[in-house]
Each structure stands twice: as structure tokens, then as C-alpha cells.
PDB file of N, CA and C in Angstrom:
ATOM      1  N   MET A   1     -85.545  62.952 -92.134  1.00  0.00           N
ATOM      2  CA  MET A   1     -86.721  62.968 -92.563  1.00  0.00           C
ATOM      3  C   MET A   1     -87.000  63.695 -90.804  1.00  0.00           C
ATOM      4  N   ASN A   2     -86.498  63.164 -89.878  1.00  0.00           N
ATOM      5  CA  ASN A   2     -86.604  63.680 -88.363  1.00  0.00           C
ATOM      6  C   ASN A   2     -85.933  64.894 -87.906  1.00  0.00           C
ATOM      7  N   ARG A   3     -84.655  64.937 -88.978  1.00  0.00           N
ATOM      8  CA  ARG A   3     -83.826  66.254 -88.488  1.00  0.00           C
ATOM      9  C   ARG A   3     -84.734  67.182 -89.182  1.00  0.00           C
ATOM     10  N   ILE A   4     -85.258  67.267 -90.701  1.00  0.00           N
ATOM     11  CA  ILE A   4     -85.631  68.113 -91.070  1.00  0.00           C
ATOM     12  C   ILE A   4     -87.011  68.755 -90.374  1.00  0.00           C
ATOM     13  N   LEU A   5     -87.624  68.028 -89.894  1.00  0.00           N
ATOM     14  CA  LEU A   5     -88.758  68.671 -89.169  1.00  0.00           C
ATOM     15  C   LEU A   5     -88.491  69.412 -87.951  1.00  0.00           C
ATOM     16  N   ILE A   6     -87.513  68.391 -87.320  1.00  0.00           N
ATOM     17  CA  ILE A   6     -87.220  69.161 -86.045  1.00  0.00           C
ATOM     18  C   ILE A   6     -86.413  70.542 -86.237  1.00  0.00           C
ATOM     19  N   ALA A   7     -85.854  70.711 -87.668  1.00  0.00           N
ATOM     20  CA  ALA A   7     -84.883  71.864 -87.791  1.00  0.00           C
ATOM     21  C   ALA A   7     -86.149  72.969 -88.257  1.00  0.00           C
ATOM     22  N   LEU A   8     -87.311  72.322 -88.999  1.00  0.00           N
ATOM     23  CA  LEU A   8     -88.141  73.332 -89.623  1.00  0.00           C
ATOM     24  C   LEU A   8     -88.829  74.041 -88.282  1.00  0.00           C
ATOM     25  N   GLY A   9     -89.167  72.937 -87.399  1.00  0.00           N
ATOM     26  CA  GLY A   9     -90.320  73.569 -86.185  1.00  0.00           C
ATOM     27  C   GLY A   9     -89.391  74.535 -85.830  1.00  0.00           C
ATOM     28  N   THR A  10     -88.020  74.368 -85.419  1.00  0.00           N
ATOM     29  CA  THR A  10     -87.220  75.261 -84.565  1.00  0.00           C
ATOM     30  C   THR A  10     -87.150  76.633 -85.402  1.00  0.00           C
ATOM     31  N   ILE A  11     -87.131  76.441 -86.868  1.00  0.00           N
ATOM     32  CA  ILE A  11     -86.948  77.889 -87.538  1.00  0.00           C
ATOM     33  C   ILE A  11     -88.600  78.633 -87.111  1.00  0.00           C
ATOM     34  N   LEU A  12     -89.298  77.990 -87.002  1.00  0.00           N
ATOM     35  CA  LEU A  12     -91.065  78.440 -87.195  1.00  0.00           C
ATOM     36  C   LEU A  12     -90.946  79.030 -85.689  1.00  0.00           C
ATOM     37  N   LEU A  13     -90.119  78.764 -84.956  1.00  0.00           N
ATOM     38  CA  LEU A  13     -90.777  78.971 -83.496  1.00  0.00           C
ATOM     39  C   LEU A  13     -89.592  80.137 -83.436  1.00  0.00           C
ATOM     40  N   VAL A  14     -88.680  80.277 -84.150  1.00  0.00           N
ATOM     41  CA  VAL A  14     -87.344  81.689 -83.920  1.00  0.00           C
ATOM     42  C   VAL A  14     -88.359  82.584 -84.753  1.00  0.00           C
ATOM     43  N   ILE A  15     -88.864  82.268 -85.749  1.00  0.00           N
ATOM     44  CA  ILE A  15     -89.648  83.397 -86.534  1.00  0.00           C
ATOM     45  C   ILE A  15     -90.540  84.075 -85.874  1.00  0.00           C
ATOM     46  N   GLY A  16     -91.668  82.703 -85.009  1.00  0.00           N
ATOM     47  CA  GLY A  16     -92.725  83.109 -84.334  1.00  0.00           C
ATOM     48  C   GLY A  16     -92.317  84.332 -83.188  1.00  0.00           C
ATOM     49  N   LEU A  17     -91.249  84.152 -82.714  1.00  0.00           N
ATOM     50  CA  LEU A  17     -90.671  84.560 -81.645  1.00  0.00           C
ATOM     51  C   LEU A  17     -90.220  86.051 -81.798  1.00  0.00           C
ATOM     52  N   LEU A  18     -89.795  86.098 -82.907  1.00  0.00           N
ATOM     53  CA  LEU A  18     -88.884  87.396 -83.564  1.00  0.00           C
ATOM     54  C   LEU A  18     -90.128  87.967 -83.905  1.00  0.00           C
ATOM     55  N   TRP A  19     -91.530  88.016 -84.379  1.00  0.00           N
ATOM     56  CA  TRP A  19     -92.264  88.707 -85.674  1.00  0.00           C
ATOM     57  C   TRP A  19     -92.402  89.870 -85.448  1.00  0.00           C
ATOM     58  N   PRO A  20     -92.753  90.382 -83.814  1.00  0.00           N
ATOM     59  CA  PRO A  20     -92.568  91.879 -83.600  1.00  0.00           C
ATOM     60  C   PRO A  20     -91.728  92.491 -84.334  1.00  0.00           C
ATOM     61  N   TRP A  21     -90.610  92.044 -84.444  1.00  0.00           N
ATOM     62  CA  TRP A  21     -89.303  92.664 -85.202  1.00  0.00           C
ATOM     63  C   TRP A  21     -89.151  92.584 -86.405  1.00  0.00           C
ATOM     64  N   LEU A  22     -89.815  91.690 -86.811  1.00  0.00           N
ATOM     65  CA  LEU A  22     -89.767  91.007 -88.438  1.00  0.00           C
ATOM     66  C   LEU A  22     -90.884  92.297 -88.863  1.00  0.00           C
ATOM     67  N   GLN A  23     -91.729  92.306 -88.662  1.00  0.00           N
ATOM     68  CA  GLN A  23     -93.190  93.325 -89.122  1.00  0.00           C
ATOM     69  C   GLN A  23     -92.469  94.423 -89.686  1.00  0.00           C
ATOM     70  N   LYS A  24     -91.309  94.942 -88.629  1.00  0.00           N
ATOM     71  CA  LYS A  24     -90.871  96.550 -89.073  1.00  0.00           C
ATOM     72  C   LYS A  24     -90.066  96.541 -89.868  1.00  0.00           C
ATOM     73  N   LEU A  25     -89.477  95.392 -90.785  1.00  0.00           N
ATOM     74  CA  LEU A  25     -88.803  95.320 -91.834  1.00  0.00           C
ATOM     75  C   LEU A  25     -89.147  95.820 -93.319  1.00  0.00           C
ATOM     76  N   PRO A  26     -88.704  96.327 -94.044  1.00  0.00           N
ATOM     77  CA  PRO A  26     -89.580  96.650 -95.349  1.00  0.00           C
ATOM     78  C   PRO A  26     -89.880  95.625 -96.283  1.00  0.00           C
ATOM     79  N   PHE A  27     -89.556  94.216 -95.892  1.00  0.00           N
ATOM     80  CA  PHE A  27     -90.127  93.096 -96.639  1.00  0.00           C
ATOM     81  C   PHE A  27     -91.980  93.076 -96.996  1.00  0.00           C
ATOM     82  N   GLY A  28     -92.131  92.939 -98.182  1.00  0.00           N
ATOM     83  CA  GLY A  28     -93.768  93.003 -98.037  1.00  0.00           C
ATOM     84  C   GLY A  28     -93.913  94.299 -98.940  1.00  0.00           C
ATOM     85  N   LYS A  29     -93.248  95.447 -98.881  1.00  0.00           N
ATOM     86  CA  LYS A  29     -93.536  96.235 -99.171  1.00  0.00           C
ATOM     87  C   LYS A  29     -92.288  97.134-100.347  1.00  0.00           C
ATOM     88  N   LEU A  30     -91.679  96.088-100.699  1.00  0.00           N
ATOM     89  CA  LEU A  30     -90.685  96.317-102.159  1.00  0.00           C
ATOM     90  C   LEU A  30     -91.393  96.543-103.265  1.00  0.00           C
ATOM     91  N   PRO A  31     -90.419  97.400-104.095  1.00  0.00           N
ATOM     92  CA  PRO A  31     -90.757  97.802-105.711  1.00  0.00           C
ATOM     93  C   PRO A  31     -90.958  96.551-106.259  1.00  0.00           C
ATOM     94  N   GLY A  32     -91.743  95.978-106.818  1.00  0.00           N
ATOM     95  CA  GLY A  32     -91.877  94.824-107.637  1.00  0.00           C
ATOM     96  C   GLY A  32     -92.890  93.700-106.995  1.00  0.00           C
ATOM     97  N   ASP A  33     -93.482  94.114-105.593  1.00  0.00           N
ATOM     98  CA  ASP A  33     -94.383  93.524-104.987  1.00  0.00           C
ATOM     99  C   ASP A  33     -96.078  94.146-105.992  1.00  0.00           C
ATOM    100  N   ILE A  34     -96.763  93.031-106.045  1.00  0.00           N
ATOM    101  CA  ILE A  34     -98.498  93.853-106.861  1.00  0.00           C
ATOM    102  C   ILE A  34     -99.178  93.975-105.850  1.00  0.00           C
ATOM    103  N   LEU A  35     -99.858  94.929-105.802  1.00  0.00           N
ATOM    104  CA  LEU A  35    -100.883  95.102-105.056  1.00  0.00           C
ATOM    105  C   LEU A  35    -102.161  95.790-105.956  1.00  0.00           C
ATOM    106  N   ILE A  36    -103.309  95.059-105.946  1.00  0.00           N
ATOM    107  CA  ILE A  36    -104.470  95.792-106.876  1.00  0.00           C
ATOM    108  C   ILE A  36    -105.146  95.953-105.603  1.00  0.00           C
ATOM    109  N   GLU A  37    -106.025  97.252-105.355  1.00  0.00           N
ATOM    110  CA  GLU A  37    -107.360  97.451-104.356  1.00  0.00           C
ATOM    111  C   GLU A  37    -108.028  98.389-105.621  1.00  0.00           C
ATOM    112  N   LYS A  38    -109.417  97.535-105.023  1.00  0.00           N
ATOM    113  CA  LYS A  38    -110.749  97.967-105.722  1.00  0.00           C
ATOM    114  C   LYS A  38    -111.515  98.094-104.589  1.00  0.00           C
ATOM    115  N   GLU A  39    -112.843  98.518-105.300  1.00  0.00           N
ATOM    116  CA  GLU A  39    -113.678  98.890-103.479  1.00  0.00           C
ATOM    117  C   GLU A  39    -113.858  98.340-102.980  1.00  0.00           C
ATOM    118  N   THR A  40    -113.837  96.584-103.388  1.00  0.00           N
ATOM    119  CA  THR A  40    -114.268  95.409-102.417  1.00  0.00           C
ATOM    120  C   THR A  40    -113.418  94.275-102.267  1.00  0.00           C
ATOM    121  N   ILE A  41    -112.242  94.295-103.201  1.00  0.00           N
ATOM    122  CA  ILE A  41    -111.475  93.732-103.199  1.00  0.00           C
ATOM    123  C   ILE A  41    -110.071  93.981-103.342  1.00  0.00           C
ATOM    124  N   ARG A  42    -108.709  93.035-102.639  1.00  0.00           N
ATOM    125  CA  ARG A  42    -107.523  93.641-102.291  1.00  0.00           C
ATOM    126  C   ARG A  42    -106.779  92.601-102.724  1.00  0.00           C
ATOM    127  N   PHE A  43    -106.395  92.647-103.872  1.00  0.00           N
ATOM    128  CA  PHE A  43    -105.286  91.513-104.135  1.00  0.00           C
ATOM    129  C   PHE A  43    -103.631  91.925-103.885  1.00  0.00           C
ATOM    130  N   TYR A  44    -103.005  91.336-103.366  1.00  0.00           N
ATOM    131  CA  TYR A  44    -101.643  91.006-102.831  1.00  0.00           C
ATOM    132  C   TYR A  44    -100.893  90.086-103.389  1.00  0.00           C
ATOM    133  N   PHE A  45     -99.778  90.402-104.009  1.00  0.00           N
ATOM    134  CA  PHE A  45     -98.837  89.419-104.125  1.00  0.00           C
ATOM    135  C   PHE A  45     -97.356  89.638-104.065  1.00  0.00           C
ATOM    136  N   PRO A  46     -96.723  89.279-103.068  1.00  0.00           N
ATOM    137  CA  PRO A  46     -95.120  90.018-103.201  1.00  0.00           C
ATOM    138  C   PRO A  46     -94.360  88.986-104.072  1.00  0.00           C
ATOM    139  N   LEU A  47     -94.545  89.519-104.877  1.00  0.00           N
ATOM    140  CA  LEU A  47     -93.178  88.707-105.795  1.00  0.00           C
ATOM    141  C   LEU A  47     -92.439  89.107-105.647  1.00  0.00           C
ATOM    142  N   MET A  48     -91.465  90.242-105.691  1.00  0.00           N
ATOM    143  CA  MET A  48     -90.223  90.425-104.953  1.00  0.00           C
ATOM    144  C   MET A  48     -89.638  90.194-104.179  1.00  0.00           C
ATOM    145  N   THR A  49     -90.459  90.379-102.921  1.00  0.00           N
ATOM    146  CA  THR A  49     -90.221  89.686-101.753  1.00  0.00           C
ATOM    147  C   THR A  49     -90.194  88.500-101.780  1.00  0.00           C
ATOM    148  N   SER A  50     -90.718  87.539-102.213  1.00  0.00           N
ATOM    149  CA  SER A  50     -90.591  85.773-102.429  1.00  0.00           C
ATOM    150  C   SER A  50     -89.646  85.507-103.091  1.00  0.00           C
ATOM    151  N   LEU A  51     -88.928  86.303-104.146  1.00  0.00           N
ATOM    152  CA  LEU A  51     -87.998  85.851-104.863  1.00  0.00           C
ATOM    153  C   LEU A  51     -86.456  86.310-103.753  1.00  0.00           C
ATOM    154  N   ILE A  52     -86.200  87.415-103.240  1.00  0.00           N
ATOM    155  CA  ILE A  52     -85.342  87.403-102.436  1.00  0.00           C
ATOM    156  C   ILE A  52     -85.309  86.610-101.541  1.00  0.00           C
ATOM    157  N   ILE A  53     -86.673  86.287-100.610  1.00  0.00           N
ATOM    158  CA  ILE A  53     -86.396  85.203 -99.582  1.00  0.00           C
ATOM    159  C   ILE A  53     -85.914  84.135-100.343  1.00  0.00           C
ATOM    160  N   SER A  54     -86.328  83.441-101.745  1.00  0.00           N
ATOM    161  CA  SER A  54     -86.454  82.290-102.482  1.00  0.00           C
ATOM    162  C   SER A  54     -84.588  82.353-102.495  1.00  0.00           C
ATOM    163  N   ALA A  55     -83.981  83.302-102.649  1.00  0.00           N
ATOM    164  CA  ALA A  55     -82.444  83.464-103.218  1.00  0.00           C
ATOM    165  C   ALA A  55     -81.230  83.404-102.346  1.00  0.00           C
ATOM    166  N   VAL A  56     -82.148  84.025-100.582  1.00  0.00           N
ATOM    167  CA  VAL A  56     -81.686  83.970 -99.362  1.00  0.00           C
ATOM    168  C   VAL A  56     -81.715  82.505 -98.992  1.00  0.00           C
ATOM    169  N   ILE A  57     -82.452  81.834 -99.050  1.00  0.00           N
ATOM    170  CA  ILE A  57     -82.781  80.373 -98.824  1.00  0.00           C
ATOM    171  C   ILE A  57     -82.187  79.485 -99.934  1.00  0.00           C
ATOM    172  N   SER A  58     -81.707  79.554-100.743  1.00  0.00           N
ATOM    173  CA  SER A  58     -81.101  79.094-101.920  1.00  0.00           C
ATOM    174  C   SER A  58     -79.286  79.389-101.337  1.00  0.00           C
ATOM    175  N   LEU A  59     -79.343  80.141-101.111  1.00  0.00           N
ATOM    176  CA  LEU A  59     -77.699  80.600-100.713  1.00  0.00           C
ATOM    177  C   LEU A  59     -77.453  79.665 -99.295  1.00  0.00           C
ATOM    178  N   ILE A  60     -78.103  79.490 -98.252  1.00  0.00           N
ATOM    179  CA  ILE A  60     -78.752  78.694 -97.089  1.00  0.00           C
ATOM    180  C   ILE A  60     -78.128  77.423 -97.288  1.00  0.00           C
ATOM    181  N   PHE A  61     -78.898  76.923 -98.064  1.00  0.00           N
ATOM    182  CA  PHE A  61     -78.843  75.600 -98.445  1.00  0.00           C
ATOM    183  C   PHE A  61     -77.628  75.066 -99.309  1.00  0.00           C
ATOM    184  N   TRP A  62     -77.192  76.223-100.325  1.00  0.00           N
ATOM    185  CA  TRP A  62     -76.173  76.088-100.904  1.00  0.00           C
ATOM    186  C   TRP A  62     -74.775  75.894-100.166  1.00  0.00           C
ATOM    187  N   PHE A  63     -74.743  76.750 -98.571  1.00  0.00           N
ATOM    188  CA  PHE A  63     -73.744  76.782 -97.927  1.00  0.00           C
ATOM    189  C   PHE A  63     -73.422  75.377 -97.052  1.00  0.00           C
ATOM    190  N   PHE A  64     -74.591  74.985 -96.537  1.00  0.00           N
ATOM    191  CA  PHE A  64     -74.575  74.061 -95.933  1.00  0.00           C
ATOM    192  C   PHE A  64     -74.460  72.683 -96.517  1.00  0.00           C
ATOM    193  N   ARG A  65     -74.404  72.593 -97.719  1.00  0.00           N
ATOM    194  CA  ARG A  65     -74.568  71.475 -98.701  1.00  0.00           C
ATOM    195  C   ARG A  65     -72.510  71.007 -98.947  1.00  0.00           C
ATOM    196  N   LYS A  66     -72.193  72.300 -99.182  1.00  0.00           N
ATOM    197  CA  LYS A  66     -70.527  71.926 -99.035  1.00  0.00           C
ATOM    198  C   LYS A  66     -69.907  71.845 -97.660  1.00  0.00           C
TER     199      LYS A  66
END
């Protein structure tokens, strides 16, 4: 449990430090992401982005398990 929390903290720290460059990537604007804009409401659901991130994380865990 301690290793998992330390690894998660390290990953969040790295993402936080790299955030200015990560915002320039096209994630969040992919085809398949749902965006509904009305006059007073904006609903955004990054469906395709979530699927890609999930697949990458699954591959990383699969490689580390072997």
C-alpha cells in the first residue's frame, strides 16, 4: 500500500510539473468527445480521451505485471 501511494504521488507530481506542455496536446479535443453547449449550460464528456488513457494505463500495468 505504501509503494502504491508513493508511486501515485510521484506520478501526480510529474503530471503537475509537465502540465503547461500537456495542455498543448490534442487530448480533450478528439473526435468522439461529447460537447453540448446551450445558452447557460456547457456539458463536456471526454469519452474518446478517457478510452485512450485507459488503454495506455492498462498496457503499462500489463507490462509491469510480466
